[in-house]
Amino acid sequence: QVQLVESGGGLVQPGGSLRLSCAASVRNYNMGWFRQAPGKEREFVAGINWIGSNIYYADSVKGRFTLSRDNAKNTLDLQMNSLKPEDTAVYSCAASNQESISVILSATDYDYWGQGTQVTVSS
């Protein structure tokens, strides 16, 4: 049973930073972070392939967010800087059974999901 537990969400002012962490019960999976704002569809934020050689970011977060995998702690971390009100959403991490060299972008290709953590960017 794959378990994913997110932490690190909260309330931050525009321009601020937050670090999200996803603790995983598995290693070497294709993993990603997604977000869903009220009234909107879930969207891809950032992802990594199973061997950690490829990382991909959505255009909306490129240059502001940094994805990293800590193999010692078995976590997938998302450092979010220069946050904007439009970054407000529930952020969820996900893992896929597929061993893909490419980063998996579609939510439907992920098999396991965490419960999500709320990020609110507001003054």
N, C-alpha and C. Protein backbone atom coordinates (compact mmCIF):
# COMPACT_ATOMS: atom_id res chain seq x y z
N GLN A 1 0.84 -1.18 0.00
CA GLN A 1 0.00 0.00 0.00
C GLN A 1 0.88 1.24 0.00
N VAL A 2 0.73 2.06 -1.02
CA VAL A 2 1.51 3.28 -1.13
C VAL A 2 0.81 4.38 -0.32
N GLN A 3 1.58 5.02 0.55
CA GLN A 3 1.03 6.12 1.35
C GLN A 3 1.82 7.39 1.08
N LEU A 4 1.08 8.48 0.92
CA LEU A 4 1.68 9.78 0.68
C LEU A 4 1.07 10.77 1.67
N VAL A 5 1.90 11.49 2.37
CA VAL A 5 1.41 12.44 3.37
C VAL A 5 2.08 13.79 3.14
N GLU A 6 1.26 14.79 2.83
CA GLU A 6 1.78 16.14 2.58
C GLU A 6 1.81 16.96 3.87
N SER A 7 2.72 17.91 3.90
CA SER A 7 2.79 18.86 5.00
C SER A 7 3.39 20.16 4.49
N GLY A 8 3.22 21.22 5.27
CA GLY A 8 3.89 22.48 4.95
C GLY A 8 3.00 23.57 4.39
N GLY A 9 1.73 23.30 4.20
CA GLY A 9 0.85 24.35 3.68
C GLY A 9 0.58 25.41 4.74
N GLY A 10 -0.11 26.47 4.31
CA GLY A 10 -0.45 27.53 5.25
C GLY A 10 -0.83 28.81 4.54
N LEU A 11 -0.87 29.88 5.33
CA LEU A 11 -1.21 31.21 4.83
C LEU A 11 0.07 32.03 4.70
N VAL A 12 0.25 32.66 3.56
CA VAL A 12 1.45 33.46 3.32
C VAL A 12 1.06 34.70 2.52
N GLN A 13 1.79 35.77 2.71
CA GLN A 13 1.53 37.00 1.96
C GLN A 13 2.10 36.90 0.56
N PRO A 14 1.54 37.64 -0.38
CA PRO A 14 2.12 37.66 -1.73
C PRO A 14 3.60 38.01 -1.68
N GLY A 15 4.37 37.28 -2.47
CA GLY A 15 5.82 37.46 -2.48
C GLY A 15 6.55 36.58 -1.49
N GLY A 16 5.81 35.92 -0.63
CA GLY A 16 6.40 35.06 0.38
C GLY A 16 6.74 33.68 -0.14
N SER A 17 7.20 32.84 0.78
CA SER A 17 7.64 31.49 0.42
C SER A 17 7.02 30.45 1.35
N LEU A 18 6.86 29.26 0.81
CA LEU A 18 6.45 28.09 1.57
C LEU A 18 7.18 26.89 1.03
N ARG A 19 7.37 25.89 1.88
CA ARG A 19 7.98 24.64 1.44
C ARG A 19 7.02 23.51 1.78
N LEU A 20 6.59 22.80 0.74
CA LEU A 20 5.74 21.63 0.92
C LEU A 20 6.59 20.37 0.90
N SER A 21 6.17 19.40 1.69
CA SER A 21 6.89 18.13 1.72
C SER A 21 5.89 16.99 1.61
N CYS A 22 6.25 15.98 0.85
CA CYS A 22 5.42 14.79 0.68
C CYS A 22 6.23 13.59 1.15
N ALA A 23 5.80 13.00 2.25
CA ALA A 23 6.47 11.81 2.77
C ALA A 23 5.87 10.58 2.10
N ALA A 24 6.71 9.79 1.47
CA ALA A 24 6.24 8.64 0.70
C ALA A 24 6.67 7.33 1.36
N SER A 25 5.82 6.32 1.22
CA SER A 25 6.15 5.00 1.77
C SER A 25 6.89 4.15 0.76
N VAL A 26 7.17 4.74 -0.43
CA VAL A 26 7.84 4.00 -1.50
C VAL A 26 8.99 4.84 -2.05
N ARG A 27 9.87 4.15 -2.78
CA ARG A 27 10.99 4.84 -3.42
C ARG A 27 10.92 4.61 -4.92
N ASN A 28 11.60 5.50 -5.66
CA ASN A 28 11.80 5.31 -7.09
C ASN A 28 10.49 5.18 -7.87
N TYR A 29 9.57 6.05 -7.57
CA TYR A 29 8.33 6.15 -8.34
C TYR A 29 8.35 7.46 -9.12
N ASN A 30 7.69 7.50 -10.26
CA ASN A 30 7.37 8.78 -10.89
C ASN A 30 6.40 9.50 -9.95
N MET A 31 6.74 10.74 -9.60
CA MET A 31 5.91 11.48 -8.66
C MET A 31 5.68 12.90 -9.13
N GLY A 32 4.64 13.51 -8.60
CA GLY A 32 4.35 14.87 -8.99
C GLY A 32 3.54 15.61 -7.94
N TRP A 33 3.50 16.93 -8.09
CA TRP A 33 2.64 17.79 -7.30
C TRP A 33 1.57 18.38 -8.23
N PHE A 34 0.34 18.38 -7.74
CA PHE A 34 -0.78 18.97 -8.46
C PHE A 34 -1.46 19.96 -7.52
N ARG A 35 -2.28 20.83 -8.08
CA ARG A 35 -3.04 21.74 -7.25
C ARG A 35 -4.43 21.93 -7.83
N GLN A 36 -5.36 22.27 -6.95
CA GLN A 36 -6.72 22.52 -7.39
C GLN A 36 -7.28 23.69 -6.61
N ALA A 37 -7.63 24.73 -7.33
CA ALA A 37 -8.25 25.91 -6.74
C ALA A 37 -9.77 25.75 -6.79
N PRO A 38 -10.49 26.45 -5.93
CA PRO A 38 -11.96 26.34 -5.93
C PRO A 38 -12.54 26.69 -7.29
N GLY A 39 -13.41 25.81 -7.77
CA GLY A 39 -14.07 26.05 -9.04
C GLY A 39 -13.23 25.77 -10.27
N LYS A 40 -12.02 25.27 -10.05
CA LYS A 40 -11.13 25.00 -11.19
C LYS A 40 -10.74 23.53 -11.21
N GLU A 41 -10.26 23.09 -12.36
CA GLU A 41 -9.80 21.72 -12.47
C GLU A 41 -8.41 21.57 -11.85
N ARG A 42 -8.10 20.35 -11.47
CA ARG A 42 -6.78 20.06 -10.93
C ARG A 42 -5.74 20.25 -12.03
N GLU A 43 -4.62 20.86 -11.67
CA GLU A 43 -3.58 21.11 -12.67
C GLU A 43 -2.23 20.63 -12.17
N PHE A 44 -1.42 20.23 -13.11
CA PHE A 44 -0.05 19.78 -12.84
C PHE A 44 0.79 20.98 -12.42
N VAL A 45 1.64 20.78 -11.41
CA VAL A 45 2.54 21.84 -10.95
C VAL A 45 3.99 21.49 -11.27
N ALA A 46 4.43 20.32 -10.83
CA ALA A 46 5.81 19.90 -11.05
C ALA A 46 5.90 18.40 -10.85
N GLY A 47 6.85 17.76 -11.53
CA GLY A 47 6.99 16.32 -11.40
C GLY A 47 8.41 15.87 -11.64
N ILE A 48 8.68 14.63 -11.24
CA ILE A 48 10.01 14.03 -11.37
C ILE A 48 9.85 12.60 -11.83
N ASN A 49 10.80 12.14 -12.65
CA ASN A 49 10.70 10.74 -13.07
C ASN A 49 11.25 9.81 -12.00
N TRP A 50 11.10 8.50 -12.24
CA TRP A 50 11.36 7.55 -11.15
C TRP A 50 12.83 7.48 -10.74
N ILE A 51 13.74 7.78 -11.67
CA ILE A 51 15.14 7.73 -11.31
C ILE A 51 15.69 9.09 -10.95
N GLY A 52 14.85 10.10 -11.01
CA GLY A 52 15.27 11.43 -10.60
C GLY A 52 16.09 12.19 -11.60
N SER A 53 16.10 11.76 -12.85
CA SER A 53 16.93 12.41 -13.86
C SER A 53 16.20 13.53 -14.59
N ASN A 54 14.88 13.55 -14.51
CA ASN A 54 14.10 14.59 -15.19
C ASN A 54 13.12 15.24 -14.24
N ILE A 55 13.08 16.55 -14.28
CA ILE A 55 12.11 17.35 -13.53
C ILE A 55 11.45 18.30 -14.50
N TYR A 56 10.15 18.47 -14.34
CA TYR A 56 9.41 19.35 -15.25
C TYR A 56 8.46 20.22 -14.44
N TYR A 57 8.34 21.47 -14.87
CA TYR A 57 7.47 22.43 -14.18
C TYR A 57 6.41 22.98 -15.12
N ALA A 58 5.27 23.27 -14.57
CA ALA A 58 4.26 24.01 -15.33
C ALA A 58 4.80 25.42 -15.59
N ASP A 59 4.42 25.98 -16.72
CA ASP A 59 4.90 27.32 -17.07
C ASP A 59 4.55 28.35 -16.00
N SER A 60 3.42 28.15 -15.36
CA SER A 60 2.94 29.13 -14.38
C SER A 60 3.81 29.21 -13.13
N VAL A 61 4.63 28.18 -12.90
CA VAL A 61 5.45 28.17 -11.68
C VAL A 61 6.95 28.14 -11.99
N LYS A 62 7.29 28.01 -13.24
CA LYS A 62 8.70 27.90 -13.63
C LYS A 62 9.48 29.13 -13.18
N GLY A 63 10.62 28.90 -12.56
CA GLY A 63 11.43 30.01 -12.07
C GLY A 63 11.08 30.45 -10.66
N ARG A 64 9.95 30.00 -10.15
CA ARG A 64 9.52 30.35 -8.79
C ARG A 64 9.51 29.13 -7.86
N PHE A 65 9.16 27.98 -8.41
CA PHE A 65 9.05 26.75 -7.62
C PHE A 65 10.24 25.84 -7.95
N THR A 66 10.70 25.10 -6.94
CA THR A 66 11.78 24.15 -7.14
C THR A 66 11.40 22.82 -6.51
N LEU A 67 11.48 21.77 -7.31
CA LEU A 67 11.15 20.42 -6.86
C LEU A 67 12.43 19.67 -6.54
N SER A 68 12.40 18.93 -5.42
CA SER A 68 13.56 18.12 -5.08
C SER A 68 13.12 16.86 -4.36
N ARG A 69 13.92 15.83 -4.52
CA ARG A 69 13.64 14.56 -3.85
C ARG A 69 14.76 14.28 -2.86
N ASP A 70 14.39 14.02 -1.63
CA ASP A 70 15.37 13.67 -0.60
C ASP A 70 15.32 12.16 -0.41
N ASN A 71 16.28 11.47 -0.96
CA ASN A 71 16.26 10.01 -0.91
C ASN A 71 16.49 9.48 0.51
N ALA A 72 17.22 10.21 1.31
CA ALA A 72 17.49 9.78 2.67
C ALA A 72 16.20 9.81 3.51
N LYS A 73 15.41 10.87 3.30
CA LYS A 73 14.18 11.02 4.06
C LYS A 73 12.97 10.44 3.33
N ASN A 74 13.16 10.11 2.04
CA ASN A 74 12.08 9.60 1.20
C ASN A 74 10.94 10.60 1.10
N THR A 75 11.31 11.83 0.80
CA THR A 75 10.33 12.90 0.63
C THR A 75 10.49 13.56 -0.73
N LEU A 76 9.39 14.15 -1.18
CA LEU A 76 9.38 14.96 -2.40
C LEU A 76 9.00 16.37 -1.96
N ASP A 77 9.93 17.29 -2.09
CA ASP A 77 9.73 18.63 -1.55
C ASP A 77 9.50 19.65 -2.66
N LEU A 78 8.62 20.60 -2.39
CA LEU A 78 8.34 21.67 -3.34
C LEU A 78 8.58 23.00 -2.66
N GLN A 79 9.66 23.66 -3.03
CA GLN A 79 9.98 24.99 -2.51
C GLN A 79 9.27 26.01 -3.38
N MET A 80 8.42 26.81 -2.76
CA MET A 80 7.62 27.78 -3.51
C MET A 80 8.01 29.20 -3.08
N ASN A 81 8.57 29.95 -4.00
CA ASN A 81 8.99 31.32 -3.75
C ASN A 81 8.17 32.30 -4.58
N SER A 82 8.23 33.55 -4.22
CA SER A 82 7.52 34.61 -4.96
C SER A 82 6.06 34.23 -5.19
N LEU A 83 5.42 33.79 -4.14
CA LEU A 83 4.04 33.31 -4.26
C LEU A 83 3.08 34.42 -4.63
N LYS A 84 2.08 34.04 -5.43
CA LYS A 84 1.07 34.97 -5.92
C LYS A 84 -0.30 34.51 -5.44
N PRO A 85 -1.26 35.41 -5.37
CA PRO A 85 -2.62 35.00 -4.97
C PRO A 85 -3.17 33.88 -5.84
N GLU A 86 -2.80 33.85 -7.10
CA GLU A 86 -3.29 32.80 -7.99
C GLU A 86 -2.67 31.44 -7.72
N ASP A 87 -1.70 31.37 -6.82
CA ASP A 87 -1.14 30.09 -6.40
C ASP A 87 -1.99 29.44 -5.30
N THR A 88 -2.99 30.15 -4.82
CA THR A 88 -3.87 29.62 -3.78
C THR A 88 -4.61 28.39 -4.29
N ALA A 89 -4.47 27.28 -3.56
CA ALA A 89 -5.08 26.02 -3.97
C ALA A 89 -4.80 24.96 -2.92
N VAL A 90 -5.44 23.81 -3.08
CA VAL A 90 -5.06 22.62 -2.33
C VAL A 90 -4.01 21.90 -3.16
N TYR A 91 -2.86 21.67 -2.56
CA TYR A 91 -1.74 21.02 -3.24
C TYR A 91 -1.68 19.56 -2.80
N SER A 92 -1.55 18.67 -3.79
CA SER A 92 -1.50 17.24 -3.51
C SER A 92 -0.32 16.61 -4.22
N CYS A 93 0.32 15.66 -3.56
CA CYS A 93 1.36 14.91 -4.26
C CYS A 93 0.78 13.57 -4.71
N ALA A 94 1.41 13.03 -5.72
CA ALA A 94 0.90 11.81 -6.33
C ALA A 94 2.07 10.93 -6.79
N ALA A 95 1.80 9.64 -6.87
CA ALA A 95 2.80 8.68 -7.34
C ALA A 95 2.16 7.78 -8.39
N SER A 96 2.97 7.38 -9.35
CA SER A 96 2.47 6.54 -10.44
C SER A 96 3.16 5.19 -10.45
N ASN A 97 2.42 4.17 -10.84
CA ASN A 97 3.00 2.83 -11.01
C ASN A 97 3.86 2.73 -12.27
N GLN A 98 3.72 3.69 -13.18
CA GLN A 98 4.48 3.67 -14.42
C GLN A 98 5.94 4.06 -14.15
N GLU A 99 6.86 3.33 -14.76
CA GLU A 99 8.29 3.69 -14.70
C GLU A 99 8.62 4.41 -16.01
N SER A 100 8.42 5.70 -16.00
CA SER A 100 8.62 6.49 -17.21
C SER A 100 9.85 7.37 -17.08
N ILE A 101 10.66 7.41 -18.14
CA ILE A 101 11.80 8.31 -18.15
C ILE A 101 11.32 9.75 -18.21
N SER A 102 10.19 9.94 -18.88
CA SER A 102 9.61 11.28 -18.95
C SER A 102 8.81 11.56 -17.70
N VAL A 103 8.67 12.83 -17.38
CA VAL A 103 7.81 13.23 -16.27
C VAL A 103 6.36 13.03 -16.70
N ILE A 104 5.57 12.44 -15.85
CA ILE A 104 4.17 12.20 -16.15
C ILE A 104 3.37 13.45 -15.80
N LEU A 105 2.64 13.96 -16.79
CA LEU A 105 1.95 15.24 -16.62
C LEU A 105 0.47 15.11 -16.31
N SER A 106 -0.12 14.00 -16.70
CA SER A 106 -1.57 13.85 -16.57
C SER A 106 -1.94 13.22 -15.23
N ALA A 107 -2.90 13.84 -14.56
CA ALA A 107 -3.35 13.32 -13.27
C ALA A 107 -3.92 11.91 -13.38
N THR A 108 -4.49 11.61 -14.53
CA THR A 108 -5.12 10.29 -14.70
C THR A 108 -4.08 9.16 -14.75
N ASP A 109 -2.83 9.48 -14.95
CA ASP A 109 -1.76 8.48 -14.99
C ASP A 109 -1.11 8.26 -13.63
N TYR A 110 -1.61 8.94 -12.62
CA TYR A 110 -1.12 8.71 -11.27
C TYR A 110 -2.08 7.80 -10.52
N ASP A 111 -1.51 6.92 -9.70
CA ASP A 111 -2.30 5.89 -9.04
C ASP A 111 -2.54 6.16 -7.56
N TYR A 112 -1.69 6.93 -6.97
CA TYR A 112 -1.77 7.15 -5.52
C TYR A 112 -1.71 8.65 -5.24
N TRP A 113 -2.52 9.08 -4.28
CA TRP A 113 -2.62 10.50 -3.95
C TRP A 113 -2.58 10.71 -2.44
N GLY A 114 -1.99 11.82 -2.05
CA GLY A 114 -2.05 12.23 -0.67
C GLY A 114 -3.36 12.96 -0.40
N GLN A 115 -3.54 13.37 0.84
CA GLN A 115 -4.81 14.00 1.23
C GLN A 115 -4.87 15.47 0.85
N GLY A 116 -3.73 16.06 0.55
CA GLY A 116 -3.69 17.46 0.14
C GLY A 116 -3.40 18.40 1.30
N THR A 117 -2.82 19.54 0.97
CA THR A 117 -2.54 20.57 1.96
C THR A 117 -2.89 21.93 1.37
N GLN A 118 -3.53 22.77 2.16
CA GLN A 118 -4.03 24.06 1.67
C GLN A 118 -2.90 25.09 1.66
N VAL A 119 -2.79 25.79 0.56
CA VAL A 119 -1.89 26.93 0.44
C VAL A 119 -2.73 28.15 0.10
N THR A 120 -2.65 29.16 0.93
CA THR A 120 -3.40 30.39 0.71
C THR A 120 -2.44 31.56 0.66
N VAL A 121 -2.49 32.29 -0.45
CA VAL A 121 -1.62 33.45 -0.62
C VAL A 121 -2.51 34.68 -0.62
N SER A 122 -2.40 35.46 0.44
CA SER A 122 -3.29 36.60 0.61
C SER A 122 -2.67 37.61 1.56
N SER A 123 -2.96 38.87 1.32
CA SER A 123 -2.50 39.92 2.22
C SER A 123 -3.56 40.23 3.27
